[in-house]
């Protein structure tokens, strides 16, 4: 079985990141408000802008959680396939975190 991490762009230009074992079905559920309390239900229409397969649910969930912690710029770099920029933004985040710790 394949598991997927996916990113949707909502009508308000925000991003929603999730994971599933049936990508097509899950996208349809978002589009048809199957779960009315879901983040995307009040932000329709949505568009799938990124997806990546994983061999296990644990790996997909770990990736989803990592992406949810990323900045908008970093998500957009990944969506466009600009891995150099993703790496650059990750280094900047690390430098900022190290700088904050040195001030303590």
PDB file of N, CA and C in Angstrom:
ATOM      1  N   UNK A   1       0.851  -1.190   0.000  1.00  0.00           N
ATOM      2  CA  UNK A   1       0.000   0.000   0.000  1.00  0.00           C
ATOM      3  C   UNK A   1       0.886   1.239   0.000  1.00  0.00           C
ATOM      4  N   UNK A   2       0.466   2.238  -0.736  1.00  0.00           N
ATOM      5  CA  UNK A   2       1.178   3.520  -0.798  1.00  0.00           C
ATOM      6  C   UNK A   2       0.452   4.548   0.051  1.00  0.00           C
ATOM      7  N   UNK A   3       1.235   5.371   0.725  1.00  0.00           N
ATOM      8  CA  UNK A   3       0.700   6.483   1.510  1.00  0.00           C
ATOM      9  C   UNK A   3       1.212   7.772   0.891  1.00  0.00           C
ATOM     10  N   UNK A   4       0.421   8.811   0.994  1.00  0.00           N
ATOM     11  CA  UNK A   4       0.714  10.074   0.321  1.00  0.00           C
ATOM     12  C   UNK A   4       0.742  11.231   1.302  1.00  0.00           C
ATOM     13  N   UNK A   5       1.675  12.150   1.085  1.00  0.00           N
ATOM     14  CA  UNK A   5       1.635  13.478   1.694  1.00  0.00           C
ATOM     15  C   UNK A   5       1.202  14.399   0.567  1.00  0.00           C
ATOM     16  N   UNK A   6       0.307  15.314   0.887  1.00  0.00           N
ATOM     17  CA  UNK A   6      -0.189  16.213  -0.158  1.00  0.00           C
ATOM     18  C   UNK A   6      -0.359  17.618   0.396  1.00  0.00           C
ATOM     19  N   UNK A   7      -0.302  18.577  -0.511  1.00  0.00           N
ATOM     20  CA  UNK A   7      -0.558  19.976  -0.162  1.00  0.00           C
ATOM     21  C   UNK A   7      -1.628  20.503  -1.097  1.00  0.00           C
ATOM     22  N   UNK A   8      -2.627  21.145  -0.508  1.00  0.00           N
ATOM     23  CA  UNK A   8      -3.685  21.802  -1.267  1.00  0.00           C
ATOM     24  C   UNK A   8      -3.534  23.310  -1.134  1.00  0.00           C
ATOM     25  N   UNK A   9      -3.773  24.020  -2.226  1.00  0.00           N
ATOM     26  CA  UNK A   9      -3.885  25.479  -2.159  1.00  0.00           C
ATOM     27  C   UNK A   9      -5.364  25.790  -2.084  1.00  0.00           C
ATOM     28  N   UNK A  10      -5.733  26.530  -1.058  1.00  0.00           N
ATOM     29  CA  UNK A  10      -7.134  26.877  -0.837  1.00  0.00           C
ATOM     30  C   UNK A  10      -7.485  28.173  -1.561  1.00  0.00           C
ATOM     31  N   UNK A  11      -8.772  28.465  -1.636  1.00  0.00           N
ATOM     32  CA  UNK A  11      -9.254  29.664  -2.329  1.00  0.00           C
ATOM     33  C   UNK A  11      -8.680  30.942  -1.725  1.00  0.00           C
ATOM     34  N   UNK A  12      -8.373  30.924  -0.420  1.00  0.00           N
ATOM     35  CA  UNK A  12      -7.796  32.104   0.230  1.00  0.00           C
ATOM     36  C   UNK A  12      -6.264  32.121   0.134  1.00  0.00           C
ATOM     37  N   UNK A  13      -5.703  31.229  -0.687  1.00  0.00           N
ATOM     38  CA  UNK A  13      -4.270  31.097  -0.948  1.00  0.00           C
ATOM     39  C   UNK A  13      -3.475  30.555   0.239  1.00  0.00           C
ATOM     40  N   UNK A  14      -4.163  30.041   1.223  1.00  0.00           N
ATOM     41  CA  UNK A  14      -3.468  29.337   2.294  1.00  0.00           C
ATOM     42  C   UNK A  14      -3.201  27.919   1.819  1.00  0.00           C
ATOM     43  N   UNK A  15      -2.351  27.217   2.547  1.00  0.00           N
ATOM     44  CA  UNK A  15      -2.017  25.841   2.201  1.00  0.00           C
ATOM     45  C   UNK A  15      -2.493  24.895   3.286  1.00  0.00           C
ATOM     46  N   UNK A  16      -2.928  23.737   2.851  1.00  0.00           N
ATOM     47  CA  UNK A  16      -3.319  22.662   3.763  1.00  0.00           C
ATOM     48  C   UNK A  16      -2.456  21.452   3.432  1.00  0.00           C
ATOM     49  N   UNK A  17      -1.817  20.882   4.440  1.00  0.00           N
ATOM     50  CA  UNK A  17      -0.988  19.695   4.261  1.00  0.00           C
ATOM     51  C   UNK A  17      -1.632  18.529   4.983  1.00  0.00           C
ATOM     52  N   UNK A  18      -1.695  17.385   4.325  1.00  0.00           N
ATOM     53  CA  UNK A  18      -2.271  16.194   4.929  1.00  0.00           C
ATOM     54  C   UNK A  18      -1.593  14.941   4.429  1.00  0.00           C
ATOM     55  N   UNK A  19      -2.038  13.799   4.932  1.00  0.00           N
ATOM     56  CA  UNK A  19      -1.552  12.517   4.428  1.00  0.00           C
ATOM     57  C   UNK A  19      -2.732  11.561   4.332  1.00  0.00           C
ATOM     58  N   UNK A  20      -2.600  10.570   3.455  1.00  0.00           N
ATOM     59  CA  UNK A  20      -3.699   9.645   3.193  1.00  0.00           C
ATOM     60  C   UNK A  20      -3.157   8.381   2.535  1.00  0.00           C
ATOM     61  N   UNK A  21      -3.995   7.349   2.521  1.00  0.00           N
ATOM     62  CA  UNK A  21      -3.633   6.143   1.778  1.00  0.00           C
ATOM     63  C   UNK A  21      -4.421   6.041   0.465  1.00  0.00           C
ATOM     64  N   UNK A  22      -5.267   7.047   0.186  1.00  0.00           N
ATOM     65  CA  UNK A  22      -6.016   7.077  -1.071  1.00  0.00           C
ATOM     66  C   UNK A  22      -6.127   8.539  -1.514  1.00  0.00           C
ATOM     67  N   UNK A  23      -5.157   8.968  -2.276  1.00  0.00           N
ATOM     68  CA  UNK A  23      -5.058  10.387  -2.635  1.00  0.00           C
ATOM     69  C   UNK A  23      -6.272  10.893  -3.405  1.00  0.00           C
ATOM     70  N   UNK A  24      -6.691  10.176  -4.423  1.00  0.00           N
ATOM     71  CA  UNK A  24      -7.834  10.638  -5.229  1.00  0.00           C
ATOM     72  C   UNK A  24      -9.090  10.781  -4.378  1.00  0.00           C
ATOM     73  N   UNK A  25      -9.354   9.791  -3.559  1.00  0.00           N
ATOM     74  CA  UNK A  25     -10.540   9.837  -2.698  1.00  0.00           C
ATOM     75  C   UNK A  25     -10.458  10.989  -1.705  1.00  0.00           C
ATOM     76  N   UNK A  26      -9.271  11.200  -1.126  1.00  0.00           N
ATOM     77  CA  UNK A  26      -9.138  12.258  -0.123  1.00  0.00           C
ATOM     78  C   UNK A  26      -9.316  13.637  -0.743  1.00  0.00           C
ATOM     79  N   UNK A  27      -8.813  13.843  -1.937  1.00  0.00           N
ATOM     80  CA  UNK A  27      -8.993  15.134  -2.615  1.00  0.00           C
ATOM     81  C   UNK A  27     -10.476  15.370  -2.884  1.00  0.00           C
ATOM     82  N   UNK A  28     -11.180  14.349  -3.330  1.00  0.00           N
ATOM     83  CA  UNK A  28     -12.626  14.469  -3.549  1.00  0.00           C
ATOM     84  C   UNK A  28     -13.348  14.807  -2.242  1.00  0.00           C
ATOM     85  N   UNK A  29     -12.925  14.203  -1.156  1.00  0.00           N
ATOM     86  CA  UNK A  29     -13.543  14.510   0.147  1.00  0.00           C
ATOM     87  C   UNK A  29     -13.352  15.974   0.495  1.00  0.00           C
ATOM     88  N   UNK A  30     -12.172  16.515   0.224  1.00  0.00           N
ATOM     89  CA  UNK A  30     -11.946  17.947   0.471  1.00  0.00           C
ATOM     90  C   UNK A  30     -12.867  18.779  -0.424  1.00  0.00           C
ATOM     91  N   UNK A  31     -12.914  18.451  -1.691  1.00  0.00           N
ATOM     92  CA  UNK A  31     -13.682  19.253  -2.652  1.00  0.00           C
ATOM     93  C   UNK A  31     -15.180  19.251  -2.365  1.00  0.00           C
ATOM     94  N   UNK A  32     -15.691  18.144  -1.799  1.00  0.00           N
ATOM     95  CA  UNK A  32     -17.127  18.032  -1.558  1.00  0.00           C
ATOM     96  C   UNK A  32     -17.510  18.193  -0.087  1.00  0.00           C
ATOM     97  N   UNK A  33     -16.582  18.736   0.708  1.00  0.00           N
ATOM     98  CA  UNK A  33     -16.848  19.037   2.130  1.00  0.00           C
ATOM     99  C   UNK A  33     -17.378  17.814   2.887  1.00  0.00           C
ATOM    100  N   UNK A  34     -16.820  16.659   2.627  1.00  0.00           N
ATOM    101  CA  UNK A  34     -17.232  15.443   3.317  1.00  0.00           C
ATOM    102  C   UNK A  34     -17.082  15.601   4.822  1.00  0.00           C
ATOM    103  N   UNK A  35     -16.070  16.335   5.234  1.00  0.00           N
ATOM    104  CA  UNK A  35     -15.834  16.612   6.654  1.00  0.00           C
ATOM    105  C   UNK A  35     -15.998  18.120   6.863  1.00  0.00           C
ATOM    106  N   UNK A  36     -17.190  18.571   7.247  1.00  0.00           N
ATOM    107  CA  UNK A  36     -17.499  20.007   7.301  1.00  0.00           C
ATOM    108  C   UNK A  36     -16.635  20.822   8.259  1.00  0.00           C
ATOM    109  N   UNK A  37     -15.988  20.168   9.230  1.00  0.00           N
ATOM    110  CA  UNK A  37     -15.148  20.924  10.162  1.00  0.00           C
ATOM    111  C   UNK A  37     -13.681  20.962   9.733  1.00  0.00           C
ATOM    112  N   UNK A  38     -13.355  20.327   8.624  1.00  0.00           N
ATOM    113  CA  UNK A  38     -11.985  20.332   8.114  1.00  0.00           C
ATOM    114  C   UNK A  38     -11.592  21.758   7.713  1.00  0.00           C
ATOM    115  N   UNK A  39     -10.323  22.094   7.872  1.00  0.00           N
ATOM    116  CA  UNK A  39      -9.790  23.419   7.532  1.00  0.00           C
ATOM    117  C   UNK A  39     -10.220  23.866   6.140  1.00  0.00           C
ATOM    118  N   UNK A  40     -10.211  22.951   5.187  1.00  0.00           N
ATOM    119  CA  UNK A  40     -10.480  23.319   3.801  1.00  0.00           C
ATOM    120  C   UNK A  40     -11.962  23.557   3.497  1.00  0.00           C
ATOM    121  N   UNK A  41     -12.857  23.065   4.350  1.00  0.00           N
ATOM    122  CA  UNK A  41     -14.297  23.121   4.060  1.00  0.00           C
ATOM    123  C   UNK A  41     -14.793  24.552   3.837  1.00  0.00           C
ATOM    124  N   UNK A  42     -14.210  25.515   4.533  1.00  0.00           N
ATOM    125  CA  UNK A  42     -14.638  26.910   4.375  1.00  0.00           C
ATOM    126  C   UNK A  42     -13.718  27.689   3.441  1.00  0.00           C
ATOM    127  N   UNK A  43     -12.834  26.978   2.742  1.00  0.00           N
ATOM    128  CA  UNK A  43     -11.860  27.638   1.877  1.00  0.00           C
ATOM    129  C   UNK A  43     -11.855  27.043   0.463  1.00  0.00           C
ATOM    130  N   UNK A  44     -13.010  26.606   0.015  1.00  0.00           N
ATOM    131  CA  UNK A  44     -13.130  26.005  -1.313  1.00  0.00           C
ATOM    132  C   UNK A  44     -13.199  27.079  -2.387  1.00  0.00           C
ATOM    133  N   UNK A  45     -12.746  26.785  -3.591  1.00  0.00           N
ATOM    134  CA  UNK A  45     -12.231  25.496  -4.028  1.00  0.00           C
ATOM    135  C   UNK A  45     -10.778  25.297  -3.603  1.00  0.00           C
ATOM    136  N   UNK A  46     -10.335  24.042  -3.650  1.00  0.00           N
ATOM    137  CA  UNK A  46      -8.953  23.697  -3.351  1.00  0.00           C
ATOM    138  C   UNK A  46      -8.320  23.092  -4.595  1.00  0.00           C
ATOM    139  N   UNK A  47      -6.995  23.198  -4.657  1.00  0.00           N
ATOM    140  CA  UNK A  47      -6.246  22.650  -5.783  1.00  0.00           C
ATOM    141  C   UNK A  47      -5.063  21.863  -5.242  1.00  0.00           C
ATOM    142  N   UNK A  48      -4.878  20.657  -5.728  1.00  0.00           N
ATOM    143  CA  UNK A  48      -3.721  19.855  -5.350  1.00  0.00           C
ATOM    144  C   UNK A  48      -2.485  20.463  -6.010  1.00  0.00           C
ATOM    145  N   UNK A  49      -1.501  20.869  -5.190  1.00  0.00           N
ATOM    146  CA  UNK A  49      -0.297  21.489  -5.750  1.00  0.00           C
ATOM    147  C   UNK A  49       0.964  20.671  -5.495  1.00  0.00           C
ATOM    148  N   UNK A  50       0.853  19.643  -4.647  1.00  0.00           N
ATOM    149  CA  UNK A  50       2.016  18.807  -4.357  1.00  0.00           C
ATOM    150  C   UNK A  50       1.544  17.481  -3.796  1.00  0.00           C
ATOM    151  N   UNK A  51       2.216  16.411  -4.183  1.00  0.00           N
ATOM    152  CA  UNK A  51       1.992  15.107  -3.559  1.00  0.00           C
ATOM    153  C   UNK A  51       3.265  14.289  -3.668  1.00  0.00           C
ATOM    154  N   UNK A  52       3.485  13.450  -2.673  1.00  0.00           N
ATOM    155  CA  UNK A  52       4.663  12.584  -2.656  1.00  0.00           C
ATOM    156  C   UNK A  52       4.290  11.260  -2.015  1.00  0.00           C
ATOM    157  N   UNK A  53       4.643  10.145  -2.663  1.00  0.00           N
ATOM    158  CA  UNK A  53       4.325   8.830  -2.100  1.00  0.00           C
ATOM    159  C   UNK A  53       5.348   8.384  -1.061  1.00  0.00           C
ATOM    160  N   UNK A  54       4.883   7.563  -0.109  1.00  0.00           N
ATOM    161  CA  UNK A  54       5.729   6.961   0.917  1.00  0.00           C
ATOM    162  C   UNK A  54       5.320   5.511   1.091  1.00  0.00           C
ATOM    163  N   UNK A  55       6.266   4.663   1.485  1.00  0.00           N
ATOM    164  CA  UNK A  55       5.933   3.249   1.652  1.00  0.00           C
ATOM    165  C   UNK A  55       5.169   2.927   2.938  1.00  0.00           C
ATOM    166  N   UNK A  56       5.250   3.817   3.940  1.00  0.00           N
ATOM    167  CA  UNK A  56       4.556   3.542   5.205  1.00  0.00           C
ATOM    168  C   UNK A  56       3.801   4.777   5.683  1.00  0.00           C
ATOM    169  N   UNK A  57       2.767   4.534   6.475  1.00  0.00           N
ATOM    170  CA  UNK A  57       2.002   5.640   7.059  1.00  0.00           C
ATOM    171  C   UNK A  57       2.881   6.467   7.992  1.00  0.00           C
ATOM    172  N   UNK A  58       3.750   5.796   8.763  1.00  0.00           N
ATOM    173  CA  UNK A  58       4.622   6.520   9.693  1.00  0.00           C
ATOM    174  C   UNK A  58       5.511   7.522   8.961  1.00  0.00           C
ATOM    175  N   UNK A  59       6.058   7.122   7.815  1.00  0.00           N
ATOM    176  CA  UNK A  59       6.902   8.036   7.045  1.00  0.00           C
ATOM    177  C   UNK A  59       6.087   9.202   6.485  1.00  0.00           C
ATOM    178  N   UNK A  60       4.895   8.921   5.996  1.00  0.00           N
ATOM    179  CA  UNK A  60       4.035   9.979   5.460  1.00  0.00           C
ATOM    180  C   UNK A  60       3.638  10.956   6.565  1.00  0.00           C
ATOM    181  N   UNK A  61       3.268  10.435   7.716  1.00  0.00           N
ATOM    182  CA  UNK A  61       2.878  11.289   8.833  1.00  0.00           C
ATOM    183  C   UNK A  61       4.051  12.143   9.305  1.00  0.00           C
ATOM    184  N   UNK A  62       5.239  11.558   9.385  1.00  0.00           N
ATOM    185  CA  UNK A  62       6.417  12.323   9.796  1.00  0.00           C
ATOM    186  C   UNK A  62       6.692  13.463   8.814  1.00  0.00           C
ATOM    187  N   UNK A  63       6.562  13.183   7.519  1.00  0.00           N
ATOM    188  CA  UNK A  63       6.766  14.212   6.502  1.00  0.00           C
ATOM    189  C   UNK A  63       5.702  15.302   6.612  1.00  0.00           C
ATOM    190  N   UNK A  64       4.440  14.903   6.795  1.00  0.00           N
ATOM    191  CA  UNK A  64       3.358  15.877   6.950  1.00  0.00           C
ATOM    192  C   UNK A  64       3.648  16.819   8.111  1.00  0.00           C
ATOM    193  N   UNK A  65       4.035  16.269   9.233  1.00  0.00           N
ATOM    194  CA  UNK A  65       4.325  17.096  10.422  1.00  0.00           C
ATOM    195  C   UNK A  65       5.488  18.038  10.171  1.00  0.00           C
ATOM    196  N   UNK A  66       6.519  17.550   9.475  1.00  0.00           N
ATOM    197  CA  UNK A  66       7.673  18.396   9.163  1.00  0.00           C
ATOM    198  C   UNK A  66       7.236  19.567   8.281  1.00  0.00           C
ATOM    199  N   UNK A  67       6.482  19.277   7.232  1.00  0.00           N
ATOM    200  CA  UNK A  67       6.039  20.327   6.305  1.00  0.00           C
ATOM    201  C   UNK A  67       5.143  21.340   7.018  1.00  0.00           C
ATOM    202  N   UNK A  68       4.274  20.874   7.895  1.00  0.00           N
ATOM    203  CA  UNK A  68       3.386  21.795   8.619  1.00  0.00           C
ATOM    204  C   UNK A  68       4.163  22.822   9.432  1.00  0.00           C
ATOM    205  N   UNK A  69       5.390  22.491   9.820  1.00  0.00           N
ATOM    206  CA  UNK A  69       6.221  23.423  10.576  1.00  0.00           C
ATOM    207  C   UNK A  69       7.011  24.387   9.710  1.00  0.00           C
ATOM    208  N   UNK A  70       6.936  24.227   8.401  1.00  0.00           N
ATOM    209  CA  UNK A  70       7.704  25.063   7.491  1.00  0.00           C
ATOM    210  C   UNK A  70       7.027  26.403   7.240  1.00  0.00           C
ATOM    211  N   UNK A  71       7.841  27.364   6.827  1.00  0.00           N
ATOM    212  CA  UNK A  71       7.318  28.675   6.423  1.00  0.00           C
ATOM    213  C   UNK A  71       6.607  28.543   5.077  1.00  0.00           C
ATOM    214  N   UNK A  72       5.814  29.530   4.778  1.00  0.00           N
ATOM    215  CA  UNK A  72       5.126  29.569   3.484  1.00  0.00           C
ATOM    216  C   UNK A  72       6.142  29.556   2.341  1.00  0.00           C
ATOM    217  N   UNK A  73       7.227  30.335   2.475  1.00  0.00           N
ATOM    218  CA  UNK A  73       8.247  30.403   1.423  1.00  0.00           C
ATOM    219  C   UNK A  73       8.868  29.034   1.170  1.00  0.00           C
ATOM    220  N   UNK A  74       9.129  28.307   2.230  1.00  0.00           N
ATOM    221  CA  UNK A  74       9.752  26.994   2.082  1.00  0.00           C
ATOM    222  C   UNK A  74       8.787  26.015   1.415  1.00  0.00           C
ATOM    223  N   UNK A  75       7.505  26.070   1.799  1.00  0.00           N
ATOM    224  CA  UNK A  75       6.502  25.213   1.154  1.00  0.00           C
ATOM    225  C   UNK A  75       6.402  25.534  -0.333  1.00  0.00           C
ATOM    226  N   UNK A  76       6.396  26.813  -0.665  1.00  0.00           N
ATOM    227  CA  UNK A  76       6.272  27.204  -2.066  1.00  0.00           C
ATOM    228  C   UNK A  76       7.497  26.791  -2.873  1.00  0.00           C
ATOM    229  N   UNK A  77       8.668  26.838  -2.261  1.00  0.00           N
ATOM    230  CA  UNK A  77       9.876  26.377  -2.956  1.00  0.00           C
ATOM    231  C   UNK A  77       9.770  24.885  -3.250  1.00  0.00           C
ATOM    232  N   UNK A  78       9.271  24.114  -2.288  1.00  0.00           N
ATOM    233  CA  UNK A  78       9.113  22.674  -2.503  1.00  0.00           C
ATOM    234  C   UNK A  78       8.063  22.407  -3.585  1.00  0.00           C
ATOM    235  N   UNK A  79       6.952  23.129  -3.536  1.00  0.00           N
ATOM    236  CA  UNK A  79       5.885  22.955  -4.518  1.00  0.00           C
ATOM    237  C   UNK A  79       6.404  23.179  -5.935  1.00  0.00           C
ATOM    238  N   UNK A  80       7.279  24.153  -6.106  1.00  0.00           N
ATOM    239  CA  UNK A  80       7.821  24.451  -7.437  1.00  0.00           C
ATOM    240  C   UNK A  80       9.039  23.591  -7.780  1.00  0.00           C
ATOM    241  N   UNK A  81       9.463  22.753  -6.828  1.00  0.00           N
ATOM    242  CA  UNK A  81      10.600  21.878  -7.082  1.00  0.00           C
ATOM    243  C   UNK A  81      11.948  22.563  -6.952  1.00  0.00           C
ATOM    244  N   UNK A  82      11.991  23.714  -6.279  1.00  0.00           N
ATOM    245  CA  UNK A  82      13.238  24.462  -6.102  1.00  0.00           C
ATOM    246  C   UNK A  82      13.934  23.983  -4.824  1.00  0.00           C
ATOM    247  N   UNK A  83      14.594  22.827  -4.923  1.00  0.00           N
ATOM    248  CA  UNK A  83      15.203  22.200  -3.740  1.00  0.00           C
ATOM    249  C   UNK A  83      16.393  22.991  -3.226  1.00  0.00           C
ATOM    250  N   UNK A  84      17.056  23.750  -4.092  1.00  0.00           N
ATOM    251  CA  UNK A  84      18.146  24.625  -3.632  1.00  0.00           C
ATOM    252  C   UNK A  84      17.598  25.665  -2.665  1.00  0.00           C
ATOM    253  N   UNK A  85      16.450  26.230  -3.011  1.00  0.00           N
ATOM    254  CA  UNK A  85      15.822  27.252  -2.149  1.00  0.00           C
ATOM    255  C   UNK A  85      15.311  26.622  -0.858  1.00  0.00           C
ATOM    256  N   UNK A  86      14.758  25.431  -0.921  1.00  0.00           N
ATOM    257  CA  UNK A  86      14.310  24.730   0.291  1.00  0.00           C
ATOM    258  C   UNK A  86      15.492  24.576   1.234  1.00  0.00           C
ATOM    259  N   UNK A  87      16.611  24.122   0.706  1.00  0.00           N
ATOM    260  CA  UNK A  87      17.814  23.928   1.511  1.00  0.00           C
ATOM    261  C   UNK A  87      18.315  25.253   2.092  1.00  0.00           C
ATOM    262  N   UNK A  88      18.311  26.284   1.281  1.00  0.00           N
ATOM    263  CA  UNK A  88      18.744  27.609   1.729  1.00  0.00           C
ATOM    264  C   UNK A  88      17.849  28.118   2.874  1.00  0.00           C
ATOM    265  N   UNK A  89      16.560  27.963   2.732  1.00  0.00           N
ATOM    266  CA  UNK A  89      15.631  28.405   3.769  1.00  0.00           C
ATOM    267  C   UNK A  89      15.804  27.584   5.047  1.00  0.00           C
ATOM    268  N   UNK A  90      16.115  26.309   4.908  1.00  0.00           N
ATOM    269  CA  UNK A  90      16.357  25.467   6.083  1.00  0.00           C
ATOM    270  C   UNK A  90      17.608  25.948   6.817  1.00  0.00           C
ATOM    271  N   UNK A  91      18.660  26.280   6.076  1.00  0.00           N
ATOM    272  CA  UNK A  91      19.894  26.793   6.707  1.00  0.00           C
ATOM    273  C   UNK A  91      19.632  28.113   7.420  1.00  0.00           C
ATOM    274  N   UNK A  92      18.840  28.988   6.796  1.00  0.00           N
ATOM    275  CA  UNK A  92      18.518  30.277   7.422  1.00  0.00           C
ATOM    276  C   UNK A  92      17.758  30.073   8.721  1.00  0.00           C
ATOM    277  N   UNK A  93      16.822  29.137   8.725  1.00  0.00           N
ATOM    278  CA  UNK A  93      16.043  28.846   9.925  1.00  0.00           C
ATOM    279  C   UNK A  93      16.961  28.328  11.029  1.00  0.00           C
ATOM    280  N   UNK A  94      17.890  27.448  10.669  1.00  0.00           N
ATOM    281  CA  UNK A  94      18.833  26.902  11.639  1.00  0.00           C
ATOM    282  C   UNK A  94      19.713  28.005  12.211  1.00  0.00           C
ATOM    283  N   UNK A  95      20.207  28.889  11.356  1.00  0.00           N
ATOM    284  CA  UNK A  95      21.041  30.016  11.834  1.00  0.00           C
ATOM    285  C   UNK A  95      20.265  30.906  12.792  1.00  0.00           C
ATOM    286  N   UNK A  96      19.018  31.189  12.456  1.00  0.00           N
ATOM    287  CA  UNK A  96      18.190  32.024  13.326  1.00  0.00           C
ATOM    288  C   UNK A  96      17.980  31.357  14.682  1.00  0.00           C
ATOM    289  N   UNK A  97      17.714  30.069  14.686  1.00  0.00           N
ATOM    290  CA  UNK A  97      17.498  29.343  15.933  1.00  0.00           C
ATOM    291  C   UNK A  97      18.779  29.336  16.770  1.00  0.00           C
ATOM    292  N   UNK A  98      19.921  29.161  16.136  1.00  0.00           N
ATOM    293  CA  UNK A  98      21.181  29.165  16.866  1.00  0.00           C
ATOM    294  C   UNK A  98      21.462  30.552  17.417  1.00  0.00           C
ATOM    295  N   UNK A  99      21.149  31.591  16.666  1.00  0.00           N
ATOM    296  CA  UNK A  99      21.326  32.952  17.121  1.00  0.00           C
ATOM    297  C   UNK A  99      20.459  33.275  18.318  1.00  0.00           C
ATOM    298  N   UNK A 100      19.221  32.799  18.323  1.00  0.00           N
ATOM    299  CA  UNK A 100      18.314  33.031  19.447  1.00  0.00           C
ATOM    300  C   UNK A 100      18.833  32.337  20.705  1.00  0.00           C
ATOM    301  N   UNK A 101      19.413  31.139  20.547  1.00  0.00           N
ATOM    302  CA  UNK A 101      19.928  30.418  21.702  1.00  0.00           C
ATOM    303  C   UNK A 101      21.146  31.127  22.286  1.00  0.00           C
ATOM    304  N   UNK A 102      21.947  31.750  21.421  1.00  0.00           N
ATOM    305  CA  UNK A 102      23.147  32.422  21.934  1.00  0.00           C
ATOM    306  C   UNK A 102      22.808  33.691  22.699  1.00  0.00           C
ATOM    307  N   UNK A 103      21.600  34.220  22.493  1.00  0.00           N
ATOM    308  CA  UNK A 103      21.167  35.412  23.211  1.00  0.00           C
ATOM    309  C   UNK A 103      20.643  35.099  24.604  1.00  0.00           C
ATOM    310  N   UNK A 104      20.378  33.845  24.870  1.00  0.00           N
ATOM    311  CA  UNK A 104      19.775  33.465  26.161  1.00  0.00           C
ATOM    312  C   UNK A 104      20.779  33.516  27.283  1.00  0.00           C
TER     313      UNK A 104
END
